[in-house]
PDB file of N, CA and C in Angstrom:
ATOM      1  N   MET A   1     -48.886 -51.583  23.635  1.00  0.00           N
ATOM      2  CA  MET A   1     -48.117 -52.491  24.444  1.00  0.00           C
ATOM      3  C   MET A   1     -46.858 -52.903  23.678  1.00  0.00           C
ATOM      4  N   LEU A   2     -45.783 -52.991  24.363  1.00  0.00           N
ATOM      5  CA  LEU A   2     -44.503 -53.357  23.777  1.00  0.00           C
ATOM      6  C   LEU A   2     -44.391 -54.864  23.656  1.00  0.00           C
ATOM      7  N   GLN A   3     -44.032 -55.321  22.450  1.00  0.00           N
ATOM      8  CA  GLN A   3     -43.856 -56.754  22.244  1.00  0.00           C
ATOM      9  C   GLN A   3     -42.413 -57.042  21.914  1.00  0.00           C
ATOM     10  N   ALA A   4     -41.869 -58.048  22.542  1.00  0.00           N
ATOM     11  CA  ALA A   4     -40.507 -58.481  22.233  1.00  0.00           C
ATOM     12  C   ALA A   4     -40.598 -59.591  21.206  1.00  0.00           C
ATOM     13  N   LYS A   5     -39.746 -59.529  20.204  1.00  0.00           N
ATOM     14  CA  LYS A   5     -39.730 -60.539  19.159  1.00  0.00           C
ATOM     15  C   LYS A   5     -38.385 -61.221  19.141  1.00  0.00           C
ATOM     16  N   THR A   6     -38.401 -62.537  18.986  1.00  0.00           N
ATOM     17  CA  THR A   6     -37.167 -63.286  18.872  1.00  0.00           C
ATOM     18  C   THR A   6     -36.757 -63.320  17.414  1.00  0.00           C
ATOM     19  N   ILE A   7     -35.524 -62.978  17.151  1.00  0.00           N
ATOM     20  CA  ILE A   7     -34.990 -63.044  15.799  1.00  0.00           C
ATOM     21  C   ILE A   7     -33.952 -64.144  15.787  1.00  0.00           C
ATOM     22  N   TYR A   8     -34.163 -65.129  14.929  1.00  0.00           N
ATOM     23  CA  TYR A   8     -33.258 -66.263  14.841  1.00  0.00           C
ATOM     24  C   TYR A   8     -32.156 -65.949  13.839  1.00  0.00           C
ATOM     25  N   VAL A   9     -30.925 -66.023  14.309  1.00  0.00           N
ATOM     26  CA  VAL A   9     -29.766 -65.702  13.485  1.00  0.00           C
ATOM     27  C   VAL A   9     -28.770 -66.851  13.625  1.00  0.00           C
ATOM     28  N   ASP A  10     -28.165 -67.238  12.493  1.00  0.00           N
ATOM     29  CA  ASP A  10     -27.164 -68.302  12.567  1.00  0.00           C
ATOM     30  C   ASP A  10     -25.778 -67.713  12.803  1.00  0.00           C
ATOM     31  N   ASP A  11     -24.773 -68.557  12.773  1.00  0.00           N
ATOM     32  CA  ASP A  11     -23.395 -68.136  13.048  1.00  0.00           C
ATOM     33  C   ASP A  11     -22.873 -67.115  12.045  1.00  0.00           C
ATOM     34  N   TYR A  12     -23.472 -67.077  10.866  1.00  0.00           N
ATOM     35  CA  TYR A  12     -23.019 -66.165   9.813  1.00  0.00           C
ATOM     36  C   TYR A  12     -23.832 -64.879   9.767  1.00  0.00           C
ATOM     37  N   GLY A  13     -24.732 -64.713  10.693  1.00  0.00           N
ATOM     38  CA  GLY A  13     -25.531 -63.493  10.761  1.00  0.00           C
ATOM     39  C   GLY A  13     -26.775 -63.519   9.893  1.00  0.00           C
ATOM     40  N   ALA A  14     -27.096 -64.662   9.287  1.00  0.00           N
ATOM     41  CA  ALA A  14     -28.287 -64.763   8.439  1.00  0.00           C
ATOM     42  C   ALA A  14     -29.530 -64.940   9.312  1.00  0.00           C
ATOM     43  N   ARG A  15     -30.590 -64.232   8.960  1.00  0.00           N
ATOM     44  CA  ARG A  15     -31.856 -64.355   9.690  1.00  0.00           C
ATOM     45  C   ARG A  15     -32.656 -65.527   9.157  1.00  0.00           C
ATOM     46  N   TRP A  16     -33.351 -66.226  10.040  1.00  0.00           N
ATOM     47  CA  TRP A  16     -34.229 -67.332   9.680  1.00  0.00           C
ATOM     48  C   TRP A  16     -35.653 -66.925  10.021  1.00  0.00           C
ATOM     49  N   LEU A  17     -36.541 -66.969   9.034  1.00  0.00           N
ATOM     50  CA  LEU A  17     -37.908 -66.480   9.193  1.00  0.00           C
ATOM     51  C   LEU A  17     -38.922 -67.617   9.188  1.00  0.00           C
ATOM     52  N   SER A  18     -40.004 -67.411   9.925  1.00  0.00           N
ATOM     53  CA  SER A  18     -41.120 -68.353   9.893  1.00  0.00           C
ATOM     54  C   SER A  18     -42.071 -67.942   8.767  1.00  0.00           C
ATOM     55  N   ARG A  19     -43.024 -68.806   8.461  1.00  0.00           N
ATOM     56  CA  ARG A  19     -44.012 -68.479   7.422  1.00  0.00           C
ATOM     57  C   ARG A  19     -44.817 -67.251   7.816  1.00  0.00           C
ATOM     58  N   THR A  20     -45.164 -67.148   9.089  1.00  0.00           N
ATOM     59  CA  THR A  20     -45.947 -66.007   9.557  1.00  0.00           C
ATOM     60  C   THR A  20     -45.153 -64.710   9.431  1.00  0.00           C
ATOM     61  N   GLU A  21     -43.871 -64.749   9.765  1.00  0.00           N
ATOM     62  CA  GLU A  21     -43.033 -63.553   9.649  1.00  0.00           C
ATOM     63  C   GLU A  21     -42.914 -63.107   8.194  1.00  0.00           C
ATOM     64  N   ILE A  22     -42.808 -64.065   7.282  1.00  0.00           N
ATOM     65  CA  ILE A  22     -42.731 -63.724   5.851  1.00  0.00           C
ATOM     66  C   ILE A  22     -44.045 -63.092   5.405  1.00  0.00           C
ATOM     67  N   ALA A  23     -45.161 -63.669   5.834  1.00  0.00           N
ATOM     68  CA  ALA A  23     -46.469 -63.125   5.461  1.00  0.00           C
ATOM     69  C   ALA A  23     -46.622 -61.690   5.951  1.00  0.00           C
ATOM     70  N   GLU A  24     -46.205 -61.415   7.177  1.00  0.00           N
ATOM     71  CA  GLU A  24     -46.288 -60.054   7.717  1.00  0.00           C
ATOM     72  C   GLU A  24     -45.350 -59.109   6.983  1.00  0.00           C
ATOM     73  N   MET A  25     -44.146 -59.575   6.670  1.00  0.00           N
ATOM     74  CA  MET A  25     -43.143 -58.746   6.026  1.00  0.00           C
ATOM     75  C   MET A  25     -43.586 -58.336   4.621  1.00  0.00           C
ATOM     76  N   LEU A  26     -44.229 -59.259   3.890  1.00  0.00           N
ATOM     77  CA  LEU A  26     -44.624 -58.992   2.507  1.00  0.00           C
ATOM     78  C   LEU A  26     -46.085 -58.571   2.362  1.00  0.00           C
ATOM     79  N   SER A  27     -46.813 -58.585   3.459  1.00  0.00           N
ATOM     80  CA  SER A  27     -48.244 -58.262   3.452  1.00  0.00           C
ATOM     81  C   SER A  27     -49.021 -59.168   2.501  1.00  0.00           C
ATOM     82  N   VAL A  28     -48.774 -60.465   2.631  1.00  0.00           N
ATOM     83  CA  VAL A  28     -49.506 -61.472   1.865  1.00  0.00           C
ATOM     84  C   VAL A  28     -50.083 -62.480   2.840  1.00  0.00           C
ATOM     85  N   THR A  29     -50.941 -63.355   2.333  1.00  0.00           N
ATOM     86  CA  THR A  29     -51.552 -64.351   3.205  1.00  0.00           C
ATOM     87  C   THR A  29     -50.606 -65.533   3.424  1.00  0.00           C
ATOM     88  N   ARG A  30     -50.855 -66.292   4.480  1.00  0.00           N
ATOM     89  CA  ARG A  30     -50.019 -67.460   4.768  1.00  0.00           C
ATOM     90  C   ARG A  30     -50.109 -68.522   3.680  1.00  0.00           C
ATOM     91  N   PRO A  31     -51.293 -68.761   3.071  1.00  0.00           N
ATOM     92  CA  PRO A  31     -51.316 -69.721   1.955  1.00  0.00           C
ATOM     93  C   PRO A  31     -50.439 -69.282   0.773  1.00  0.00           C
ATOM     94  N   THR A  32     -50.335 -67.990   0.524  1.00  0.00           N
ATOM     95  CA  THR A  32     -49.449 -67.497  -0.530  1.00  0.00           C
ATOM     96  C   THR A  32     -48.005 -67.807  -0.179  1.00  0.00           C
ATOM     97  N   VAL A  33     -47.627 -67.586   1.068  1.00  0.00           N
ATOM     98  CA  VAL A  33     -46.274 -67.898   1.520  1.00  0.00           C
ATOM     99  C   VAL A  33     -46.032 -69.399   1.406  1.00  0.00           C
ATOM    100  N   TRP A  34     -47.022 -70.200   1.768  1.00  0.00           N
ATOM    101  CA  TRP A  34     -46.911 -71.655   1.681  1.00  0.00           C
ATOM    102  C   TRP A  34     -46.616 -72.087   0.241  1.00  0.00           C
ATOM    103  N   ARG A  35     -47.352 -71.517  -0.725  1.00  0.00           N
ATOM    104  CA  ARG A  35     -47.135 -71.855  -2.136  1.00  0.00           C
ATOM    105  C   ARG A  35     -45.737 -71.444  -2.597  1.00  0.00           C
ATOM    106  N   LEU A  36     -45.317 -70.255  -2.208  1.00  0.00           N
ATOM    107  CA  LEU A  36     -43.987 -69.782  -2.594  1.00  0.00           C
ATOM    108  C   LEU A  36     -42.887 -70.679  -2.015  1.00  0.00           C
ATOM    109  N   LEU A  37     -43.031 -71.050  -0.760  1.00  0.00           N
ATOM    110  CA  LEU A  37     -42.015 -71.888  -0.124  1.00  0.00           C
ATOM    111  C   LEU A  37     -41.978 -73.282  -0.731  1.00  0.00           C
ATOM    112  N   ASN A  38     -43.138 -73.837  -1.090  1.00  0.00           N
ATOM    113  CA  ASN A  38     -43.156 -75.140  -1.747  1.00  0.00           C
ATOM    114  C   ASN A  38     -42.477 -75.068  -3.110  1.00  0.00           C
ATOM    115  N   LYS A  39     -42.713 -73.987  -3.830  1.00  0.00           N
ATOM    116  CA  LYS A  39     -42.066 -73.794  -5.130  1.00  0.00           C
ATOM    117  C   LYS A  39     -40.554 -73.637  -4.944  1.00  0.00           C
ATOM    118  N   MET A  40     -40.152 -72.892  -3.931  1.00  0.00           N
ATOM    119  CA  MET A  40     -38.737 -72.676  -3.650  1.00  0.00           C
ATOM    120  C   MET A  40     -38.068 -73.982  -3.241  1.00  0.00           C
ATOM    121  N   ARG A  41     -38.746 -74.778  -2.429  1.00  0.00           N
ATOM    122  CA  ARG A  41     -38.186 -76.039  -1.935  1.00  0.00           C
ATOM    123  C   ARG A  41     -37.929 -77.023  -3.081  1.00  0.00           C
ATOM    124  N   ALA A  42     -38.669 -76.905  -4.168  1.00  0.00           N
ATOM    125  CA  ALA A  42     -38.509 -77.807  -5.311  1.00  0.00           C
ATOM    126  C   ALA A  42     -37.252 -77.507  -6.129  1.00  0.00           C
ATOM    127  N   ILE A  43     -36.634 -76.355  -5.904  1.00  0.00           N
ATOM    128  CA  ILE A  43     -35.424 -75.978  -6.633  1.00  0.00           C
ATOM    129  C   ILE A  43     -34.208 -76.464  -5.845  1.00  0.00           C
ATOM    130  N   PRO A  44     -33.377 -77.313  -6.469  1.00  0.00           N
ATOM    131  CA  PRO A  44     -32.244 -77.911  -5.737  1.00  0.00           C
ATOM    132  C   PRO A  44     -31.293 -76.910  -5.090  1.00  0.00           C
ATOM    133  N   LYS A  45     -31.098 -75.766  -5.695  1.00  0.00           N
ATOM    134  CA  LYS A  45     -30.138 -74.793  -5.150  1.00  0.00           C
ATOM    135  C   LYS A  45     -30.572 -74.234  -3.793  1.00  0.00           C
ATOM    136  N   TYR A  46     -31.862 -74.341  -3.463  1.00  0.00           N
ATOM    137  CA  TYR A  46     -32.374 -73.798  -2.199  1.00  0.00           C
ATOM    138  C   TYR A  46     -32.601 -74.876  -1.136  1.00  0.00           C
ATOM    139  N   ARG A  47     -32.137 -76.077  -1.340  1.00  0.00           N
ATOM    140  CA  ARG A  47     -32.378 -77.147  -0.361  1.00  0.00           C
ATOM    141  C   ARG A  47     -31.775 -76.828   0.999  1.00  0.00           C
ATOM    142  N   GLY A  48     -30.652 -76.115   1.034  1.00  0.00           N
ATOM    143  CA  GLY A  48     -30.019 -75.781   2.303  1.00  0.00           C
ATOM    144  C   GLY A  48     -30.597 -74.549   2.967  1.00  0.00           C
ATOM    145  N   ALA A  49     -31.617 -73.949   2.369  1.00  0.00           N
ATOM    146  CA  ALA A  49     -32.198 -72.713   2.894  1.00  0.00           C
ATOM    147  C   ALA A  49     -33.308 -72.968   3.907  1.00  0.00           C
ATOM    148  N   PHE A  50     -33.604 -74.228   4.186  1.00  0.00           N
ATOM    149  CA  PHE A  50     -34.726 -74.558   5.065  1.00  0.00           C
ATOM    150  C   PHE A  50     -34.255 -75.263   6.327  1.00  0.00           C
ATOM    151  N   LEU A  51     -34.896 -74.919   7.433  1.00  0.00           N
ATOM    152  CA  LEU A  51     -34.723 -75.631   8.703  1.00  0.00           C
ATOM    153  C   LEU A  51     -36.086 -76.203   9.079  1.00  0.00           C
ATOM    154  N   ASP A  52     -36.206 -77.506   9.079  1.00  0.00           N
ATOM    155  CA  ASP A  52     -37.444 -78.146   9.501  1.00  0.00           C
ATOM    156  C   ASP A  52     -37.215 -78.679  10.907  1.00  0.00           C
ATOM    157  N   LEU A  53     -37.550 -77.867  11.883  1.00  0.00           N
ATOM    158  CA  LEU A  53     -37.290 -78.213  13.275  1.00  0.00           C
ATOM    159  C   LEU A  53     -38.333 -79.168  13.841  1.00  0.00           C
ATOM    160  N   SER A  54     -39.552 -79.122  13.309  1.00  0.00           N
ATOM    161  CA  SER A  54     -40.618 -80.047  13.694  1.00  0.00           C
ATOM    162  C   SER A  54     -41.678 -79.989  12.592  1.00  0.00           C
ATOM    163  N   ASN A  55     -42.801 -80.681  12.811  1.00  0.00           N
ATOM    164  CA  ASN A  55     -43.876 -80.642  11.816  1.00  0.00           C
ATOM    165  C   ASN A  55     -44.469 -79.252  11.660  1.00  0.00           C
ATOM    166  N   THR A  56     -44.458 -78.485  12.726  1.00  0.00           N
ATOM    167  CA  THR A  56     -45.081 -77.163  12.677  1.00  0.00           C
ATOM    168  C   THR A  56     -44.076 -76.018  12.695  1.00  0.00           C
ATOM    169  N   LEU A  57     -42.841 -76.268  13.089  1.00  0.00           N
ATOM    170  CA  LEU A  57     -41.838 -75.210  13.179  1.00  0.00           C
ATOM    171  C   LEU A  57     -40.828 -75.353  12.050  1.00  0.00           C
ATOM    172  N   LYS A  58     -40.978 -74.466  11.082  1.00  0.00           N
ATOM    173  CA  LYS A  58     -40.095 -74.472   9.923  1.00  0.00           C
ATOM    174  C   LYS A  58     -39.585 -73.053   9.716  1.00  0.00           C
ATOM    175  N   ARG A  59     -38.333 -72.951   9.333  1.00  0.00           N
ATOM    176  CA  ARG A  59     -37.709 -71.652   9.093  1.00  0.00           C
ATOM    177  C   ARG A  59     -37.055 -71.662   7.723  1.00  0.00           C
ATOM    178  N   VAL A  60     -36.967 -70.476   7.133  1.00  0.00           N
ATOM    179  CA  VAL A  60     -36.291 -70.317   5.852  1.00  0.00           C
ATOM    180  C   VAL A  60     -35.319 -69.151   5.983  1.00  0.00           C
ATOM    181  N   ARG A  61     -34.161 -69.278   5.372  1.00  0.00           N
ATOM    182  CA  ARG A  61     -33.150 -68.222   5.428  1.00  0.00           C
ATOM    183  C   ARG A  61     -33.648 -67.021   4.622  1.00  0.00           C
ATOM    184  N   GLU A  62     -33.677 -65.862   5.270  1.00  0.00           N
ATOM    185  CA  GLU A  62     -34.224 -64.653   4.654  1.00  0.00           C
ATOM    186  C   GLU A  62     -33.501 -64.301   3.352  1.00  0.00           C
ATOM    187  N   ARG A  63     -32.192 -64.365   3.354  1.00  0.00           N
ATOM    188  CA  ARG A  63     -31.404 -63.995   2.177  1.00  0.00           C
ATOM    189  C   ARG A  63     -31.781 -64.863   0.974  1.00  0.00           C
ATOM    190  N   ASP A  64     -31.907 -66.167   1.193  1.00  0.00           N
ATOM    191  CA  ASP A  64     -32.266 -67.080   0.102  1.00  0.00           C
ATOM    192  C   ASP A  64     -33.699 -66.855  -0.375  1.00  0.00           C
ATOM    193  N   PHE A  65     -34.598 -66.570   0.551  1.00  0.00           N
ATOM    194  CA  PHE A  65     -35.985 -66.329   0.161  1.00  0.00           C
ATOM    195  C   PHE A  65     -36.094 -65.068  -0.688  1.00  0.00           C
ATOM    196  N   MET A  66     -35.388 -64.018  -0.304  1.00  0.00           N
ATOM    197  CA  MET A  66     -35.432 -62.782  -1.091  1.00  0.00           C
ATOM    198  C   MET A  66     -34.808 -62.992  -2.469  1.00  0.00           C
ATOM    199  N   GLU A  67     -33.745 -63.773  -2.550  1.00  0.00           N
ATOM    200  CA  GLU A  67     -33.126 -64.105  -3.839  1.00  0.00           C
ATOM    201  C   GLU A  67     -34.118 -64.871  -4.716  1.00  0.00           C
ATOM    202  N   PHE A  68     -34.836 -65.809  -4.111  1.00  0.00           N
ATOM    203  CA  PHE A  68     -35.845 -66.579  -4.834  1.00  0.00           C
ATOM    204  C   PHE A  68     -36.928 -65.650  -5.391  1.00  0.00           C
ATOM    205  N   LEU A  69     -37.388 -64.704  -4.583  1.00  0.00           N
ATOM    206  CA  LEU A  69     -38.418 -63.772  -5.049  1.00  0.00           C
ATOM    207  C   LEU A  69     -37.922 -62.928  -6.220  1.00  0.00           C
ATOM    208  N   LYS A  70     -36.674 -62.490  -6.159  1.00  0.00           N
ATOM    209  CA  LYS A  70     -36.114 -61.707  -7.264  1.00  0.00           C
ATOM    210  C   LYS A  70     -36.044 -62.540  -8.535  1.00  0.00           C
ATOM    211  N   GLU A  71     -35.651 -63.803  -8.402  1.00  0.00           N
ATOM    212  CA  GLU A  71     -35.600 -64.693  -9.565  1.00  0.00           C
ATOM    213  C   GLU A  71     -36.989 -64.900 -10.155  1.00  0.00           C
ATOM    214  N   GLN A  72     -37.981 -65.052  -9.293  1.00  0.00           N
ATOM    215  CA  GLN A  72     -39.351 -65.228  -9.770  1.00  0.00           C
ATOM    216  C   GLN A  72     -39.825 -63.986 -10.509  1.00  0.00           C
ATOM    217  N   ASN A  73     -39.474 -62.825 -10.001  1.00  0.00           N
ATOM    218  CA  ASN A  73     -39.849 -61.575 -10.642  1.00  0.00           C
ATOM    219  C   ASN A  73     -39.181 -61.450 -12.011  1.00  0.00           C
ATOM    220  N   GLN A  74     -37.909 -61.780 -12.092  1.00  0.00           N
ATOM    221  CA  GLN A  74     -37.189 -61.696 -13.365  1.00  0.00           C
ATOM    222  C   GLN A  74     -37.747 -62.691 -14.363  1.00  0.00           C
ATOM    223  N   ALA A  75     -38.115 -63.892 -13.905  1.00  0.00           N
ATOM    224  CA  ALA A  75     -38.692 -64.893 -14.802  1.00  0.00           C
ATOM    225  C   ALA A  75     -40.043 -64.414 -15.330  1.00  0.00           C
ATOM    226  N   TYR A  76     -40.804 -63.738 -14.472  1.00  0.00           N
ATOM    227  CA  TYR A  76     -42.101 -63.203 -14.883  1.00  0.00           C
ATOM    228  C   TYR A  76     -41.915 -62.105 -15.934  1.00  0.00           C
ATOM    229  N   LEU A  77     -40.906 -61.265 -15.743  1.00  0.00           N
ATOM    230  CA  LEU A  77     -40.671 -60.162 -16.690  1.00  0.00           C
ATOM    231  C   LEU A  77     -40.183 -60.656 -18.034  1.00  0.00           C
ATOM    232  N   LYS A  78     -39.542 -61.817 -18.077  1.00  0.00           N
ATOM    233  CA  LYS A  78     -39.035 -62.354 -19.331  1.00  0.00           C
ATOM    234  C   LYS A  78     -40.145 -62.898 -20.228  1.00  0.00           C
ATOM    235  N   LYS A  79     -41.302 -63.211 -19.622  1.00  0.00           N
ATOM    236  CA  LYS A  79     -42.414 -63.784 -20.396  1.00  0.00           C
ATOM    237  C   LYS A  79     -42.970 -62.796 -21.389  1.00  0.00           C
TER     238      LYS A  79
END
């Protein structure tokens, strides 16, 4: 069956992803995504990367999330 998916894009062409979309994209569980997003939210440079539309509807800018993951990977490799 064909499913239509809504892709949220801002005026600059950046995609905004939900926690579920991130989990599917990375093949990880939602609690893992939750932990990553909480860690990302604690970093001041990423404060503008989140849209909290309601208690249950939250989005994160894909570009910033991928940058955060790369930084985490580099920090892990430096250990």
